[in-house]
Amino acid sequence: MSTDAHARPVAAPPSFSAADVVAPSHAERARTLVAQRTTGSLATLALEPAGYPYASFVTFALSAGQPVFLISRVAEHTRNLTVDPRVSLLVHESGSADPLANGRVTLVGQCHKLPRGETEARAAFLAVHPSAAYYVDFQDFDFFALQLEAVRYIGGYGRMSWVDASDFCAAVVDPIAPAASGILAHMNQDHTSALRAYARAFTRATNALSAVMTAIDRLGFELSVTTPEGVGPARIAFDPPLPDAGAARSTLIALLRKAEVVLAER
């Protein structure tokens, strides 16, 4: 089961989004988050003290959607997973003033050593961690792959679900993600009037006092909208979706011109 809303106080306003507004699936959100990270916490089942979860800081890369690691045979987590391959990898965002508002993904499955001559994992890992070229051929380092069985996605407060492993591996990484933070900063600092116009024209918050852009992806963007009745979330879709981050500026300008026409006709 997936959800995009916690239980909220009765007096809180509902979402201002139009009905059935398109948004990325949780599989796409989870895959995009993990694809932007190169480190995480790997939990294995400890040999000493026996059976306890043991979390280690690791580097990783994705190869065909599966996490791959280059780890030393003397590492405690390597000793653990060699006996019991069941593991989980926690990957998370950072930056929000409220840590629990950050997104995070837990990838669950079994981790197994790859053949010494395996080239795909090596290429994927070195593309993300070029400094590992120094020790990649050391005899006490091996590549391991996490064969996913389940994925738990939490996108901050109120957005969470279990994601099927095959859906995660097949999901497309959002092309806007690397530029998203810059777009948000620019819009919220320099284009507050445009954000208010978007909210008034394209959401049910027709009396919006202000709006803050909280997220953007290839399919649309999300706002936190302030009205005389209170604050609520809203999402506005792009039509068509953005092909890349470079299209964001022209699309947002065109959307503003459309919003001005809609508001003028009211």
C-alpha atoms as a PDB file:
ATOM      1  CA  MET A   1       0.000   0.000   0.000  1.00  0.00           C
ATOM      2  CA  SER A   2       1.216   3.490  -0.799  1.00  0.00           C
ATOM      3  CA  THR A   3       0.154   6.809   0.599  1.00  0.00           C
ATOM      4  CA  ASP A   4       0.901  10.454  -0.030  1.00  0.00           C
ATOM      5  CA  ALA A   5      -0.792  11.816   3.082  1.00  0.00           C
ATOM      6  CA  HIS A   6      -0.512  11.378   6.815  1.00  0.00           C
ATOM      7  CA  ALA A   7      -3.582  11.812   8.963  1.00  0.00           C
ATOM      8  CA  ARG A   8      -3.896  15.554   9.558  1.00  0.00           C
ATOM      9  CA  PRO A   9      -5.900  17.752  11.931  1.00  0.00           C
ATOM     10  CA  VAL A  10      -9.530  18.059  10.846  1.00  0.00           C
ATOM     11  CA  ALA A  11      -9.209  21.829  10.408  1.00  0.00           C
ATOM     12  CA  ALA A  12      -6.258  21.588   8.013  1.00  0.00           C
ATOM     13  CA  PRO A  13      -7.028  22.412   4.361  1.00  0.00           C
ATOM     14  CA  PRO A  14      -6.986  19.591   1.788  1.00  0.00           C
ATOM     15  CA  SER A  15      -4.704  19.524  -1.208  1.00  0.00           C
ATOM     16  CA  PHE A  16      -5.307  22.365  -3.664  1.00  0.00           C
ATOM     17  CA  SER A  17      -4.282  20.202  -6.643  1.00  0.00           C
ATOM     18  CA  ALA A  18      -6.618  19.688  -9.556  1.00  0.00           C
ATOM     19  CA  ALA A  19      -8.100  16.192  -9.780  1.00  0.00           C
ATOM     20  CA  ASP A  20      -5.892  13.392 -11.144  1.00  0.00           C
ATOM     21  CA  VAL A  21      -2.841  15.574 -11.698  1.00  0.00           C
ATOM     22  CA  VAL A  22      -0.014  13.448 -13.094  1.00  0.00           C
ATOM     23  CA  ALA A  23       2.983  12.727 -10.845  1.00  0.00           C
ATOM     24  CA  PRO A  24       5.961  10.338 -10.783  1.00  0.00           C
ATOM     25  CA  SER A  25       5.311   6.893  -9.347  1.00  0.00           C
ATOM     26  CA  HIS A  26       6.923   5.937  -6.066  1.00  0.00           C
ATOM     27  CA  ALA A  27       9.206   3.605  -8.043  1.00  0.00           C
ATOM     28  CA  GLU A  28      10.400   6.561 -10.147  1.00  0.00           C
ATOM     29  CA  ARG A  29      10.853   8.755  -7.079  1.00  0.00           C
ATOM     30  CA  ALA A  30      12.823   6.053  -5.268  1.00  0.00           C
ATOM     31  CA  ARG A  31      15.034   5.235  -8.263  1.00  0.00           C
ATOM     32  CA  THR A  32      15.762   8.923  -8.852  1.00  0.00           C
ATOM     33  CA  LEU A  33      16.717   9.473  -5.214  1.00  0.00           C
ATOM     34  CA  VAL A  34      19.063   6.462  -5.133  1.00  0.00           C
ATOM     35  CA  ALA A  35      20.632   7.361  -8.490  1.00  0.00           C
ATOM     36  CA  GLN A  36      21.745  10.708  -7.084  1.00  0.00           C
ATOM     37  CA  ARG A  37      23.540   9.155  -4.112  1.00  0.00           C
ATOM     38  CA  THR A  38      26.853   7.313  -3.971  1.00  0.00           C
ATOM     39  CA  THR A  39      27.013   6.328  -0.287  1.00  0.00           C
ATOM     40  CA  GLY A  40      24.693   4.631   2.167  1.00  0.00           C
ATOM     41  CA  SER A  41      24.401   2.471   5.270  1.00  0.00           C
ATOM     42  CA  LEU A  42      24.670  -1.272   4.663  1.00  0.00           C
ATOM     43  CA  ALA A  43      23.057  -3.406   7.372  1.00  0.00           C
ATOM     44  CA  THR A  44      24.227  -7.011   7.691  1.00  0.00           C
ATOM     45  CA  LEU A  45      23.546  -9.664  10.332  1.00  0.00           C
ATOM     46  CA  ALA A  46      26.479  -9.705  12.714  1.00  0.00           C
ATOM     47  CA  LEU A  47      28.536 -12.760  13.506  1.00  0.00           C
ATOM     48  CA  GLU A  48      29.634 -11.117  16.775  1.00  0.00           C
ATOM     49  CA  PRO A  49      27.445 -10.468  18.683  1.00  0.00           C
ATOM     50  CA  ALA A  50      25.519 -13.073  16.746  1.00  0.00           C
ATOM     51  CA  GLY A  51      22.340 -12.101  14.949  1.00  0.00           C
ATOM     52  CA  TYR A  52      22.299  -8.380  15.646  1.00  0.00           C
ATOM     53  CA  PRO A  53      21.896  -5.849  12.815  1.00  0.00           C
ATOM     54  CA  TYR A  54      25.275  -4.312  11.985  1.00  0.00           C
ATOM     55  CA  ALA A  55      25.286  -1.073   9.952  1.00  0.00           C
ATOM     56  CA  SER A  56      28.311   0.081   7.958  1.00  0.00           C
ATOM     57  CA  PHE A  57      29.027   3.146   5.854  1.00  0.00           C
ATOM     58  CA  VAL A  58      29.645   2.041   2.246  1.00  0.00           C
ATOM     59  CA  THR A  59      30.036   3.416  -1.258  1.00  0.00           C
ATOM     60  CA  PHE A  60      27.897   1.980  -4.048  1.00  0.00           C
ATOM     61  CA  ALA A  61      26.777   2.401  -7.647  1.00  0.00           C
ATOM     62  CA  LEU A  62      23.810   1.133  -9.626  1.00  0.00           C
ATOM     63  CA  SER A  63      24.245  -1.438 -12.373  1.00  0.00           C
ATOM     64  CA  ALA A  64      20.989  -2.253 -14.190  1.00  0.00           C
ATOM     65  CA  GLY A  65      19.180  -0.888 -11.150  1.00  0.00           C
ATOM     66  CA  GLN A  66      20.969  -3.169  -8.677  1.00  0.00           C
ATOM     67  CA  PRO A  67      23.371  -1.702  -6.079  1.00  0.00           C
ATOM     68  CA  VAL A  68      26.960  -2.894  -6.464  1.00  0.00           C
ATOM     69  CA  PHE A  69      29.776  -2.533  -3.932  1.00  0.00           C
ATOM     70  CA  LEU A  70      33.553  -2.849  -3.979  1.00  0.00           C
ATOM     71  CA  ILE A  71      34.435  -4.054  -0.493  1.00  0.00           C
ATOM     72  CA  SER A  72      37.389  -5.513   1.332  1.00  0.00           C
ATOM     73  CA  ARG A  73      37.410  -9.100   2.547  1.00  0.00           C
ATOM     74  CA  VAL A  74      38.630  -7.921   5.960  1.00  0.00           C
ATOM     75  CA  ALA A  75      35.634  -5.610   6.495  1.00  0.00           C
ATOM     76  CA  GLU A  76      33.224  -6.745   9.187  1.00  0.00           C
ATOM     77  CA  HIS A  77      30.219  -6.424   6.886  1.00  0.00           C
ATOM     78  CA  THR A  78      31.951  -8.644   4.293  1.00  0.00           C
ATOM     79  CA  ARG A  79      32.480 -11.357   6.901  1.00  0.00           C
ATOM     80  CA  ASN A  80      28.839 -11.073   7.908  1.00  0.00           C
ATOM     81  CA  LEU A  81      27.237 -11.229   4.473  1.00  0.00           C
ATOM     82  CA  THR A  82      29.494 -14.087   3.362  1.00  0.00           C
ATOM     83  CA  VAL A  83      27.786 -16.219   6.034  1.00  0.00           C
ATOM     84  CA  ASP A  84      24.298 -14.710   5.697  1.00  0.00           C
ATOM     85  CA  PRO A  85      23.706 -12.706   2.497  1.00  0.00           C
ATOM     86  CA  ARG A  86      20.555 -10.959   3.735  1.00  0.00           C
ATOM     87  CA  VAL A  87      21.186  -7.203   3.860  1.00  0.00           C
ATOM     88  CA  SER A  88      19.539  -3.826   3.533  1.00  0.00           C
ATOM     89  CA  LEU A  89      20.969  -0.591   2.173  1.00  0.00           C
ATOM     90  CA  LEU A  90      19.659   2.748   3.459  1.00  0.00           C
ATOM     91  CA  VAL A  91      20.127   5.725   1.138  1.00  0.00           C
ATOM     92  CA  HIS A  92      18.849   9.167   2.091  1.00  0.00           C
ATOM     93  CA  GLU A  93      18.673  12.809   1.119  1.00  0.00           C
ATOM     94  CA  SER A  94      20.085  15.595   3.265  1.00  0.00           C
ATOM     95  CA  GLY A  95      19.696  19.337   3.438  1.00  0.00           C
ATOM     96  CA  SER A  96      16.269  19.924   4.909  1.00  0.00           C
ATOM     97  CA  ALA A  97      16.160  21.732   8.240  1.00  0.00           C
ATOM     98  CA  ASP A  98      13.916  18.894   9.406  1.00  0.00           C
ATOM     99  CA  PRO A  99      15.801  15.614   8.795  1.00  0.00           C
ATOM    100  CA  LEU A 100      12.579  13.588   8.699  1.00  0.00           C
ATOM    101  CA  ALA A 101      11.326  15.725   5.815  1.00  0.00           C
ATOM    102  CA  ASN A 102      14.123  14.305   3.649  1.00  0.00           C
ATOM    103  CA  GLY A 103      13.447  11.367   1.358  1.00  0.00           C
ATOM    104  CA  ARG A 104      15.010   7.976   2.001  1.00  0.00           C
ATOM    105  CA  VAL A 105      15.014   4.526   0.443  1.00  0.00           C
ATOM    106  CA  THR A 106      15.762   1.149   2.021  1.00  0.00           C
ATOM    107  CA  LEU A 107      16.772  -1.541  -0.477  1.00  0.00           C
ATOM    108  CA  VAL A 108      16.341  -5.092   0.806  1.00  0.00           C
ATOM    109  CA  GLY A 109      17.721  -8.310  -0.638  1.00  0.00           C
ATOM    110  CA  GLN A 110      20.635 -10.709  -0.738  1.00  0.00           C
ATOM    111  CA  CYS A 111      24.190  -9.602  -1.445  1.00  0.00           C
ATOM    112  CA  HIS A 112      26.523 -11.946  -3.298  1.00  0.00           C
ATOM    113  CA  LYS A 113      30.096 -11.765  -4.558  1.00  0.00           C
ATOM    114  CA  LEU A 114      30.459 -11.349  -8.317  1.00  0.00           C
ATOM    115  CA  PRO A 115      32.918 -13.258 -10.495  1.00  0.00           C
ATOM    116  CA  ARG A 116      36.350 -11.668 -10.606  1.00  0.00           C
ATOM    117  CA  GLY A 117      36.115 -10.877 -14.315  1.00  0.00           C
ATOM    118  CA  GLU A 118      32.669  -9.257 -14.184  1.00  0.00           C
ATOM    119  CA  THR A 119      32.921  -6.031 -16.189  1.00  0.00           C
ATOM    120  CA  GLU A 120      29.519  -4.303 -15.937  1.00  0.00           C
ATOM    121  CA  ALA A 121      29.684  -3.800 -12.172  1.00  0.00           C
ATOM    122  CA  ARG A 122      33.296  -2.640 -12.428  1.00  0.00           C
ATOM    123  CA  ALA A 123      32.457  -0.057 -15.107  1.00  0.00           C
ATOM    124  CA  ALA A 124      29.389   1.199 -13.225  1.00  0.00           C
ATOM    125  CA  PHE A 125      31.283   1.525  -9.947  1.00  0.00           C
ATOM    126  CA  LEU A 126      34.358   3.258 -11.377  1.00  0.00           C
ATOM    127  CA  ALA A 127      32.165   5.696 -13.315  1.00  0.00           C
ATOM    128  CA  VAL A 128      30.789   6.925  -9.974  1.00  0.00           C
ATOM    129  CA  HIS A 129      33.904   6.381  -7.846  1.00  0.00           C
ATOM    130  CA  PRO A 130      36.946   6.988 -10.091  1.00  0.00           C
ATOM    131  CA  SER A 131      39.282   7.156  -7.082  1.00  0.00           C
ATOM    132  CA  ALA A 132      38.591   3.438  -6.512  1.00  0.00           C
ATOM    133  CA  ALA A 133      40.773   2.692  -9.541  1.00  0.00           C
ATOM    134  CA  TYR A 134      43.691   2.787  -7.112  1.00  0.00           C
ATOM    135  CA  TYR A 135      42.585  -0.342  -5.268  1.00  0.00           C
ATOM    136  CA  VAL A 136      40.030  -1.997  -7.564  1.00  0.00           C
ATOM    137  CA  ASP A 137      42.534  -4.732  -8.536  1.00  0.00           C
ATOM    138  CA  PHE A 138      43.798  -5.438  -5.026  1.00  0.00           C
ATOM    139  CA  GLN A 139      43.409  -9.143  -4.324  1.00  0.00           C
ATOM    140  CA  ASP A 140      41.462  -8.559  -1.087  1.00  0.00           C
ATOM    141  CA  PHE A 141      38.747  -6.428  -2.730  1.00  0.00           C
ATOM    142  CA  ASP A 142      35.734  -7.914  -4.480  1.00  0.00           C
ATOM    143  CA  PHE A 143      32.595  -6.684  -6.177  1.00  0.00           C
ATOM    144  CA  PHE A 144      29.275  -7.603  -4.611  1.00  0.00           C
ATOM    145  CA  ALA A 145      25.756  -7.047  -5.985  1.00  0.00           C
ATOM    146  CA  LEU A 146      22.580  -6.625  -3.974  1.00  0.00           C
ATOM    147  CA  GLN A 147      19.860  -8.717  -5.624  1.00  0.00           C
ATOM    148  CA  LEU A 148      16.801  -6.683  -4.721  1.00  0.00           C
ATOM    149  CA  GLU A 149      13.755  -8.326  -3.224  1.00  0.00           C
ATOM    150  CA  ALA A 150      11.892  -5.239  -1.984  1.00  0.00           C
ATOM    151  CA  VAL A 151      12.274  -1.468  -1.764  1.00  0.00           C
ATOM    152  CA  ARG A 152      10.839   0.797   0.923  1.00  0.00           C
ATOM    153  CA  TYR A 153      10.368   4.403  -0.161  1.00  0.00           C
ATOM    154  CA  ILE A 154       9.680   7.323   2.175  1.00  0.00           C
ATOM    155  CA  GLY A 155       9.471  10.713   0.494  1.00  0.00           C
ATOM    156  CA  GLY A 156       9.344  12.787   3.654  1.00  0.00           C
ATOM    157  CA  TYR A 157       6.202  13.159   5.708  1.00  0.00           C
ATOM    158  CA  GLY A 158       3.158  11.310   4.433  1.00  0.00           C
ATOM    159  CA  ARG A 159       4.591   9.829   1.202  1.00  0.00           C
ATOM    160  CA  MET A 160       5.595   6.199   1.589  1.00  0.00           C
ATOM    161  CA  SER A 161       5.151   2.709   0.182  1.00  0.00           C
ATOM    162  CA  TRP A 162       6.758  -0.638  -0.541  1.00  0.00           C
ATOM    163  CA  VAL A 163       7.963  -0.643  -4.148  1.00  0.00           C
ATOM    164  CA  ASP A 164       8.287  -3.816  -6.174  1.00  0.00           C
ATOM    165  CA  ALA A 165      11.941  -4.566  -6.923  1.00  0.00           C
ATOM    166  CA  SER A 166      11.285  -5.027 -10.647  1.00  0.00           C
ATOM    167  CA  ASP A 167       9.452  -1.693 -10.815  1.00  0.00           C
ATOM    168  CA  PHE A 168      12.400   0.020  -9.122  1.00  0.00           C
ATOM    169  CA  CYS A 169      14.913  -1.463 -11.561  1.00  0.00           C
ATOM    170  CA  ALA A 170      12.762  -0.549 -14.573  1.00  0.00           C
ATOM    171  CA  ALA A 171      11.985   3.002 -13.415  1.00  0.00           C
ATOM    172  CA  VAL A 172      13.433   5.953 -15.324  1.00  0.00           C
ATOM    173  CA  VAL A 173      15.648   8.367 -13.414  1.00  0.00           C
ATOM    174  CA  ASP A 174      14.109  11.831 -13.613  1.00  0.00           C
ATOM    175  CA  PRO A 175      16.291  14.033 -15.874  1.00  0.00           C
ATOM    176  CA  ILE A 176      15.384  17.176 -13.917  1.00  0.00           C
ATOM    177  CA  ALA A 177      16.717  15.876 -10.595  1.00  0.00           C
ATOM    178  CA  PRO A 178      20.329  17.175 -10.818  1.00  0.00           C
ATOM    179  CA  ALA A 179      19.085  20.722 -11.488  1.00  0.00           C
ATOM    180  CA  ALA A 180      16.038  20.677  -9.206  1.00  0.00           C
ATOM    181  CA  SER A 181      17.564  22.432  -6.193  1.00  0.00           C
ATOM    182  CA  GLY A 182      18.837  25.285  -8.357  1.00  0.00           C
ATOM    183  CA  ILE A 183      15.471  25.728 -10.042  1.00  0.00           C
ATOM    184  CA  LEU A 184      13.686  25.786  -6.688  1.00  0.00           C
ATOM    185  CA  ALA A 185      16.076  28.382  -5.260  1.00  0.00           C
ATOM    186  CA  HIS A 186      15.737  30.597  -8.328  1.00  0.00           C
ATOM    187  CA  MET A 187      11.946  30.438  -8.485  1.00  0.00           C
ATOM    188  CA  ASN A 188      11.457  31.030  -4.760  1.00  0.00           C
ATOM    189  CA  GLN A 189      13.901  33.927  -4.653  1.00  0.00           C
ATOM    190  CA  ASP A 190      13.185  35.726  -7.921  1.00  0.00           C
ATOM    191  CA  HIS A 191       9.716  34.703  -9.114  1.00  0.00           C
ATOM    192  CA  THR A 192       7.339  34.740  -6.152  1.00  0.00           C
ATOM    193  CA  SER A 193       4.661  36.581  -8.156  1.00  0.00           C
ATOM    194  CA  ALA A 194       4.798  33.882 -10.852  1.00  0.00           C
ATOM    195  CA  LEU A 195       4.339  31.162  -8.254  1.00  0.00           C
ATOM    196  CA  ARG A 196       1.285  32.943  -6.860  1.00  0.00           C
ATOM    197  CA  ALA A 197      -0.117  33.271 -10.389  1.00  0.00           C
ATOM    198  CA  TYR A 198       0.404  29.555 -11.055  1.00  0.00           C
ATOM    199  CA  ALA A 199      -1.489  28.719  -7.870  1.00  0.00           C
ATOM    200  CA  ARG A 200      -4.377  31.078  -8.620  1.00  0.00           C
ATOM    201  CA  ALA A 201      -4.732  29.980 -12.254  1.00  0.00           C
ATOM    202  CA  PHE A 202      -4.094  26.235 -12.159  1.00  0.00           C
ATOM    203  CA  THR A 203      -5.082  25.011  -8.678  1.00  0.00           C
ATOM    204  CA  ARG A 204      -8.143  25.227  -6.498  1.00  0.00           C
ATOM    205  CA  ALA A 205      -6.397  27.918  -4.432  1.00  0.00           C
ATOM    206  CA  THR A 206      -7.842  30.725  -6.545  1.00  0.00           C
ATOM    207  CA  ASN A 207      -7.377  33.170  -3.651  1.00  0.00           C
ATOM    208  CA  ALA A 208      -3.715  32.274  -3.034  1.00  0.00           C
ATOM    209  CA  LEU A 209      -1.770  34.895  -1.110  1.00  0.00           C
ATOM    210  CA  SER A 210       1.612  33.330  -1.818  1.00  0.00           C
ATOM    211  CA  ALA A 211       3.195  30.087  -2.948  1.00  0.00           C
ATOM    212  CA  VAL A 212       6.537  28.342  -2.536  1.00  0.00           C
ATOM    213  CA  MET A 213       7.857  25.776  -5.029  1.00  0.00           C
ATOM    214  CA  THR A 214       8.807  22.695  -3.021  1.00  0.00           C
ATOM    215  CA  ALA A 215       9.671  20.166  -5.757  1.00  0.00           C
ATOM    216  CA  ILE A 216      10.023  19.884  -9.516  1.00  0.00           C
ATOM    217  CA  ASP A 217      10.335  16.898 -11.863  1.00  0.00           C
ATOM    218  CA  ARG A 218       9.849  16.143 -15.541  1.00  0.00           C
ATOM    219  CA  LEU A 219       6.084  15.729 -15.079  1.00  0.00           C
ATOM    220  CA  GLY A 220       5.359  18.885 -13.073  1.00  0.00           C
ATOM    221  CA  PHE A 221       6.050  20.812  -9.890  1.00  0.00           C
ATOM    222  CA  GLU A 222       4.708  21.090  -6.366  1.00  0.00           C
ATOM    223  CA  LEU A 223       3.769  24.147  -4.332  1.00  0.00           C
ATOM    224  CA  SER A 224       3.022  24.987  -0.735  1.00  0.00           C
ATOM    225  CA  VAL A 225       0.215  27.525  -1.092  1.00  0.00           C
ATOM    226  CA  THR A 226      -0.908  30.045   1.521  1.00  0.00           C
ATOM    227  CA  THR A 227      -4.545  31.187   1.389  1.00  0.00           C
ATOM    228  CA  PRO A 228      -6.719  33.135   3.853  1.00  0.00           C
ATOM    229  CA  GLU A 229      -8.028  29.763   5.040  1.00  0.00           C
ATOM    230  CA  GLY A 230      -4.607  28.211   5.647  1.00  0.00           C
ATOM    231  CA  VAL A 231      -1.654  26.474   3.966  1.00  0.00           C
ATOM    232  CA  GLY A 232      -1.933  23.436   1.716  1.00  0.00           C
ATOM    233  CA  PRO A 233      -0.007  21.548  -0.983  1.00  0.00           C
ATOM    234  CA  ALA A 234      -0.678  21.686  -4.708  1.00  0.00           C
ATOM    235  CA  ARG A 235       0.781  20.074  -7.808  1.00  0.00           C
ATOM    236  CA  ILE A 236       0.727  21.431 -11.366  1.00  0.00           C
ATOM    237  CA  ALA A 237       1.547  19.196 -14.347  1.00  0.00           C
ATOM    238  CA  PHE A 238       3.669  20.014 -17.377  1.00  0.00           C
ATOM    239  CA  ASP A 239       2.100  19.257 -20.760  1.00  0.00           C
ATOM    240  CA  PRO A 240       4.122  17.816 -22.355  1.00  0.00           C
ATOM    241  CA  PRO A 241       6.653  16.545 -19.798  1.00  0.00           C
ATOM    242  CA  LEU A 242      10.077  18.191 -19.766  1.00  0.00           C
ATOM    243  CA  PRO A 243      12.681  16.303 -21.812  1.00  0.00           C
ATOM    244  CA  ASP A 244      15.556  17.734 -19.784  1.00  0.00           C
ATOM    245  CA  ALA A 245      16.443  20.442 -17.257  1.00  0.00           C
ATOM    246  CA  GLY A 246      17.226  22.911 -20.026  1.00  0.00           C
ATOM    247  CA  ALA A 247      13.553  23.018 -20.987  1.00  0.00           C
ATOM    248  CA  ALA A 248      12.417  24.098 -17.521  1.00  0.00           C
ATOM    249  CA  ARG A 249      12.958  27.834 -18.002  1.00  0.00           C
ATOM    250  CA  SER A 250      11.047  28.207 -21.282  1.00  0.00           C
ATOM    251  CA  THR A 251       8.260  25.942 -20.046  1.00  0.00           C
ATOM    252  CA  LEU A 252       7.790  27.899 -16.816  1.00  0.00           C
ATOM    253  CA  ILE A 253       7.763  31.200 -18.752  1.00  0.00           C
ATOM    254  CA  ALA A 254       5.138  29.848 -21.161  1.00  0.00           C
ATOM    255  CA  LEU A 255       3.099  28.606 -18.216  1.00  0.00           C
ATOM    256  CA  LEU A 256       3.190  32.050 -16.650  1.00  0.00           C
ATOM    257  CA  ARG A 257       1.888  33.633 -19.869  1.00  0.00           C
ATOM    258  CA  LYS A 258      -0.931  31.072 -19.868  1.00  0.00           C
ATOM    259  CA  ALA A 259      -1.695  31.814 -16.216  1.00  0.00           C
ATOM    260  CA  GLU A 260      -1.913  35.537 -16.966  1.00  0.00           C
ATOM    261  CA  VAL A 261      -4.479  34.861 -19.692  1.00  0.00           C
ATOM    262  CA  VAL A 262      -6.529  32.595 -17.408  1.00  0.00           C
ATOM    263  CA  LEU A 263      -6.562  35.169 -14.611  1.00  0.00           C
ATOM    264  CA  ALA A 264      -7.419  38.033 -16.964  1.00  0.00           C
ATOM    265  CA  GLU A 265     -10.479  36.151 -18.209  1.00  0.00           C
ATOM    266  CA  ARG A 266     -11.934  35.577 -14.749  1.00  0.00           C
END
